[in-house]
Protein backbone atom coordinates (compact mmCIF):
# COMPACT_ATOMS: atom_id res chain seq x y z
CA MET A 1 155.24 50.73 40.88
CA ARG A 2 155.83 49.20 44.16
CA THR A 3 153.26 50.40 45.41
CA VAL A 4 150.57 48.68 42.94
CA LEU A 5 152.24 45.42 43.26
CA ARG A 6 152.45 45.45 46.78
CA LEU A 7 148.70 46.01 46.60
CA LEU A 8 148.31 43.09 43.93
CA PHE A 9 150.73 40.69 46.38
CA LEU A 10 147.96 41.88 48.65
CA PHE A 11 145.13 41.09 46.69
CA THR A 12 146.52 37.63 45.79
CA CYS A 13 147.54 36.36 48.87
CA SER A 14 144.20 37.40 50.76
CA LEU A 15 141.45 36.43 48.81
CA PRO A 16 140.73 36.60 44.36
CA LEU A 17 142.95 33.70 44.15
CA ASP A 18 140.27 31.78 45.30
CA ALA A 19 137.67 33.54 44.32
CA PHE A 20 138.21 33.33 40.47
CA PHE A 21 138.18 29.65 40.65
CA GLY A 22 139.12 29.28 36.94
CA LEU A 23 142.66 31.21 37.40
CA SER A 24 143.62 29.13 40.62
CA SER A 25 142.31 26.17 39.81
CA VAL A 26 145.41 23.66 40.34
CA PHE A 27 144.19 20.73 38.94
CA LYS A 28 143.55 20.30 34.55
CA TYR A 29 139.83 19.82 33.80
CA SER A 30 139.65 16.38 32.71
CA GLU A 31 140.31 16.22 37.10
CA VAL A 32 137.59 17.95 37.57
CA GLU A 33 135.12 16.87 34.68
CA ASN A 34 135.77 13.26 35.79
CA SER A 35 134.79 13.69 39.58
CA MET A 36 131.81 11.45 40.93
CA LYS A 37 131.19 13.90 44.32
CA HIS A 38 130.91 17.94 44.02
CA HIS A 39 132.94 18.22 47.12
CA SER A 40 135.39 16.40 45.09
CA VAL A 41 134.70 18.55 42.05
CA CYS A 42 134.28 22.00 44.86
CA LYS A 43 137.83 21.10 45.85
CA SER A 44 139.38 20.87 42.43
CA LEU A 45 138.30 24.31 41.47
CA GLY A 46 140.21 26.01 44.19
CA LEU A 47 137.73 27.27 46.85
CA ARG A 48 137.92 28.11 50.18
CA GLY A 49 135.19 29.80 52.55
CA ARG A 50 132.29 31.25 51.94
CA GLN A 51 132.53 30.11 47.83
CA LEU A 52 133.53 26.20 49.03
CA LYS A 53 130.57 26.52 51.31
CA ASN A 54 128.52 27.60 48.64
CA CYS A 55 129.43 24.99 46.14
CA ASN A 56 129.15 22.39 48.26
CA SER A 57 125.44 22.94 48.82
CA SER A 58 124.38 21.51 45.52
CA LEU A 59 125.27 19.48 43.10
CA ASN A 60 124.29 21.87 40.61
CA VAL A 61 125.75 24.75 42.05
CA SER A 62 128.74 22.81 41.52
CA ARG A 63 128.06 21.43 37.45
CA ALA A 64 127.37 25.29 37.24
CA LEU A 65 130.83 26.93 38.01
CA THR A 66 132.78 23.62 36.46
CA LYS A 67 130.79 24.72 32.96
CA ALA A 68 132.20 27.84 33.48
CA LEU A 69 135.21 26.53 33.96
CA ARG A 70 135.29 24.26 30.84
CA MET A 71 134.35 27.26 28.78
CA SER A 72 136.61 30.29 30.34
CA ARG A 73 139.30 27.84 29.29
CA ARG A 74 138.05 26.54 26.06
CA GLU A 75 137.17 30.11 24.77
CA CYS A 76 140.66 31.84 26.01
CA ALA A 77 142.67 28.67 24.47
CA HIS A 78 140.60 29.29 20.87
CA LEU A 79 140.92 33.32 20.83
CA PHE A 80 145.56 33.11 21.36
CA ARG A 81 145.66 29.84 19.64
CA PHE A 82 147.93 31.74 17.10
CA ASP A 83 149.17 34.63 19.07
CA ARG A 84 152.34 34.50 21.16
CA TRP A 85 150.62 34.50 24.03
CA LYS A 86 148.65 30.86 23.67
CA CYS A 87 146.62 31.36 26.96
CA ASP A 88 148.18 28.71 28.54
CA TYR A 89 146.68 26.92 31.62
CA ASN A 90 149.62 25.34 32.76
CA GLU A 91 148.89 26.17 36.76
CA ASN A 92 152.93 27.42 37.09
CA TYR A 93 152.57 29.95 34.29
CA ARG A 94 148.93 30.79 34.70
CA ILE A 95 149.34 31.71 38.86
CA ARG A 96 152.41 33.77 38.40
CA LEU A 97 151.07 35.68 35.62
CA ILE A 98 147.34 36.72 37.52
CA LYS A 99 149.93 37.90 40.42
CA LYS A 100 150.97 40.41 37.42
CA ASP A 101 149.19 43.33 36.75
CA PHE A 102 149.95 42.58 32.72
CA LYS A 103 147.05 42.95 29.82
CA GLU A 104 146.96 38.83 29.34
CA SER A 105 145.92 39.20 33.82
CA ALA A 106 143.35 41.81 32.69
CA PHE A 107 141.86 39.40 30.15
CA LEU A 108 141.47 36.26 32.34
CA PHE A 109 139.54 38.11 35.49
CA ALA A 110 137.25 39.34 32.59
CA LEU A 111 136.41 36.20 30.82
CA SER A 112 136.60 34.53 34.64
CA ALA A 113 134.23 36.31 35.76
CA ALA A 114 132.05 36.32 32.47
CA SER A 115 132.06 32.69 32.03
CA LEU A 116 130.55 33.13 35.66
CA VAL A 117 127.54 34.99 34.39
CA HIS A 118 126.91 32.74 31.78
CA SER A 119 126.71 30.00 33.16
CA VAL A 120 124.59 30.39 35.69
CA ALA A 121 121.97 32.86 33.95
CA ARG A 122 121.63 29.38 31.95
CA ALA A 123 121.61 26.90 34.42
CA CYS A 124 118.79 28.98 36.19
CA SER A 125 116.56 28.92 33.32
CA LYS A 126 116.82 25.19 33.16
CA LYS A 127 116.02 25.27 36.75
CA ALA A 128 119.28 23.19 37.15
CA PHE A 129 121.27 26.14 39.49
CA SER A 130 119.11 26.45 42.75
CA LYS A 131 115.33 27.30 43.96
CA ARG A 132 116.57 30.48 44.17
CA CYS A 133 116.74 31.07 40.19
CA ASN A 134 114.22 30.40 37.82
CA CYS A 135 113.37 31.77 34.64
CA TYR A 136 113.87 35.80 33.92
CA GLU A 137 110.66 37.54 35.24
CA PRO A 138 109.98 40.98 32.97
CA PRO A 139 109.75 43.87 35.42
CA SER A 140 105.69 44.24 34.47
CA PRO A 141 103.75 41.92 36.26
CA ASN A 142 101.36 40.72 33.00
CA ARG A 143 104.46 39.94 30.39
CA ARG A 144 105.45 37.71 33.77
CA ARG A 145 102.30 35.78 33.41
CA MET A 146 102.29 36.11 29.66
CA ASN A 147 105.07 34.44 29.71
CA ILE A 148 104.48 31.82 32.16
CA LEU A 149 101.09 31.32 30.45
CA ASN A 150 102.94 30.86 27.37
CA GLY A 151 105.95 28.00 28.87
CA ILE A 152 108.27 30.92 28.22
CA CYS A 153 111.84 30.48 30.51
CA GLY A 154 114.12 33.39 29.84
CA ASP A 155 118.05 33.27 30.92
CA ASN A 156 118.29 34.44 34.36
CA LEU A 157 120.16 37.26 33.69
CA PRO A 158 119.74 40.00 36.21
CA PHE A 159 119.66 37.15 39.14
CA ALA A 160 123.28 35.84 37.58
CA VAL A 161 124.85 39.10 37.65
CA LYS A 162 123.92 39.20 41.14
CA TYR A 163 124.76 36.27 42.07
CA VAL A 164 128.71 36.51 40.31
CA LYS A 165 129.10 39.90 42.25
CA ARG A 166 128.33 37.94 46.02
CA PHE A 167 130.29 35.07 44.81
CA LEU A 168 133.28 36.84 43.78
CA GLN A 169 132.79 39.55 46.88
CA LEU A 170 134.10 42.33 45.53
CA GLN A 171 132.71 44.26 47.99
CA GLN A 172 133.41 42.45 50.99
CA HIS A 173 137.63 42.42 50.56
CA ALA A 174 139.84 45.31 49.63
CA HIS A 175 140.16 44.36 46.02
CA SER A 176 142.60 45.82 43.89
CA ASP A 177 140.36 48.59 41.51
CA VAL A 178 141.97 47.44 38.47
CA ILE A 179 140.87 43.92 39.22
CA LYS A 180 137.82 45.30 40.12
CA HIS A 181 137.18 47.03 36.81
CA ASN A 182 138.10 44.11 34.59
CA VAL A 183 135.86 41.83 36.29
CA LYS A 184 132.88 44.49 35.68
CA VAL A 185 133.91 44.79 32.04
CA GLY A 186 133.77 41.32 31.69
CA ILE A 187 130.29 41.14 33.78
CA LYS A 188 129.15 43.90 31.43
CA ALA A 189 130.24 41.89 28.35
CA VAL A 190 127.88 39.29 28.97
CA VAL A 191 124.58 41.70 29.30
CA ASP A 192 125.72 43.59 26.74
CA SER A 193 125.40 40.45 24.30
CA ASN A 194 122.22 39.73 25.65
CA ILE A 195 119.32 39.03 23.32
CA THR A 196 116.27 40.82 24.22
CA ARG A 197 113.02 40.16 22.26
CA ILE A 198 109.31 41.06 22.61
CA GLU A 199 107.03 39.75 20.58
CA CYS A 200 103.14 38.54 20.38
CA PRO A 201 102.50 34.73 21.58
CA PRO A 202 102.66 33.49 18.09
CA ILE A 203 99.63 31.01 19.26
CA VAL A 204 97.08 33.56 19.83
CA TYR A 205 98.23 36.73 17.33
CA GLY A 206 99.84 34.85 14.46
CA GLN A 207 101.70 37.49 12.54
CA GLN A 208 99.10 40.46 14.09
CA SER A 209 100.31 42.89 16.32
CA CYS A 210 98.75 43.08 20.29
CA PRO A 211 98.41 45.17 22.87
CA ASP A 212 101.88 45.27 24.80
CA ASP A 213 100.45 43.78 27.91
CA GLN A 214 99.97 40.91 26.11
CA LYS A 215 103.10 40.62 24.45
CA LEU A 216 106.22 38.33 25.16
CA VAL A 217 109.72 39.21 26.90
CA LYS A 218 112.32 36.63 25.86
CA LEU A 219 116.15 37.44 27.36
CA LYS A 220 118.64 34.83 25.73
CA LEU A 221 122.27 34.98 25.88
CA ALA A 222 124.29 34.74 23.54
CA PRO A 223 126.56 32.38 22.58
CA PHE A 224 129.74 32.68 24.90
CA ARG A 225 131.85 32.80 22.14
CA THR A 226 130.41 35.94 21.12
CA VAL A 227 131.07 37.24 24.80
CA SER A 228 134.81 36.15 24.19
CA LYS A 229 135.47 37.24 20.99
CA LEU A 230 133.84 40.80 22.44
CA LEU A 231 136.21 40.50 25.22
CA LYS A 232 139.11 39.88 22.90
CA ARG A 233 137.89 42.78 21.75
CA TYR A 234 138.68 44.81 24.06
CA TYR A 235 142.02 43.22 25.01
CA LYS A 236 143.78 44.53 22.06
CA ARG A 237 142.52 48.19 22.69
CA ALA A 238 143.07 47.57 26.58
CA VAL A 239 144.72 51.14 28.57
CA MET A 240 147.24 51.16 30.95
CA VAL A 241 146.87 53.23 33.76
CA THR A 242 149.27 55.23 35.70
CA ASN A 243 150.20 54.95 39.37
CA ASN A 244 147.60 56.97 40.66
CA ASN A 245 144.79 55.68 38.30
CA LYS A 246 146.08 52.03 39.79
CA LYS A 247 145.25 53.28 43.57
CA GLY A 248 141.53 54.06 42.34
CA VAL A 249 142.24 57.90 40.80
CA GLY A 250 140.84 58.33 37.42
CA LEU A 251 139.38 54.79 36.73
CA GLU A 252 135.38 55.90 36.96
CA HIS A 253 137.07 57.76 33.89
CA ILE A 254 137.56 54.51 31.69
CA SER A 255 135.07 53.36 29.95
CA ASP A 256 133.48 49.73 31.14
CA THR A 257 134.42 48.80 28.05
CA ARG A 258 137.77 48.86 28.61
CA LEU A 259 140.09 46.28 30.34
CA VAL A 260 142.72 48.20 32.31
CA PHE A 261 146.70 46.95 32.61
CA GLY A 262 149.66 48.70 34.79
CA SER A 263 152.78 47.04 33.31
CA LYS A 264 154.14 46.19 30.42
CA SER A 265 153.40 42.51 29.13
CA PRO A 266 156.72 39.98 28.78
CA ASP A 267 157.03 39.15 24.78
CA PHE A 268 156.18 35.19 25.23
CA CYS A 269 158.15 34.29 22.31
CA THR A 270 160.90 32.11 24.58
CA ARG A 271 160.09 30.53 27.84
CA SER A 272 159.58 31.93 30.78
CA GLN A 273 158.04 31.57 34.03
CA PHE A 274 155.50 33.64 32.25
CA SER A 275 154.96 30.84 29.40
CA PRO A 276 156.63 28.52 27.47
CA GLY A 277 156.92 30.36 24.27
CA VAL A 278 156.00 29.56 21.02
CA LYS A 279 158.64 26.78 20.04
CA GLY A 280 156.83 24.57 17.36
CA ARG A 281 153.96 26.73 17.38
CA ILE A 282 152.38 28.81 14.55
CA CYS A 283 151.74 32.79 15.38
CA LYS A 284 150.49 35.47 13.35
CA LYS A 285 152.93 38.60 12.98
CA ASP A 286 151.22 40.73 13.80
CA GLU A 287 149.76 39.09 17.04
CA LYS A 288 152.08 39.80 20.90
């Protein structure tokens, strides 16, 4: 256990708290939302180094990142509003929590990554992110051409996934394998929730069938509420891993639809360093 906590401590002191801006931000969202200059917004998100430079590169980028922060906080508060742990975004509780390998920490990392992917993919389809991303392009050249001719602009999920992995710098740094796994679970939840439709151009063919190379490919993300509910289900059946698994041994055998954690959570009933407790709130008896 000491070995694992030491790994997590190194993780939180090097980069990841900055990487997961929605978790490390020490400002309330209202302050971020009301900022007029995007440079101020980027600093409010708790970014540094390459991530801060990336955010500062464009007003559109900072807006997409801010939207991701808003979505993750809103959904977390909604999903756990009747639970003992209410997903409190008070900076002191939150930062202490993500330095531990609790089940709740696993959920926060997954949700943060998922919100980034969702926000970037949507921004690309609206041409409101960067010059490097636009509408989703089907692999087939003919279908790409048909989409363009018919004005079809899908959410660019493939670009968003690649961008977020680079943004979080998962490969370049010695992240905890447990946190890497949970981040991948969050990203995959968005991918698994997307809606891909292949259909004929209605103006040309109406209700009739058409050749495959004439079909349109529409990729649309599911609402983020759908993604967050999926992650809540993963949270409920999260897997506690052994010390060896925390070092990376055996994690490859755990499904990418299962969150993993290493320490038993506090009960969250009474006020502690991780939670304000449940005083004055109504909680479900079967929720922990």
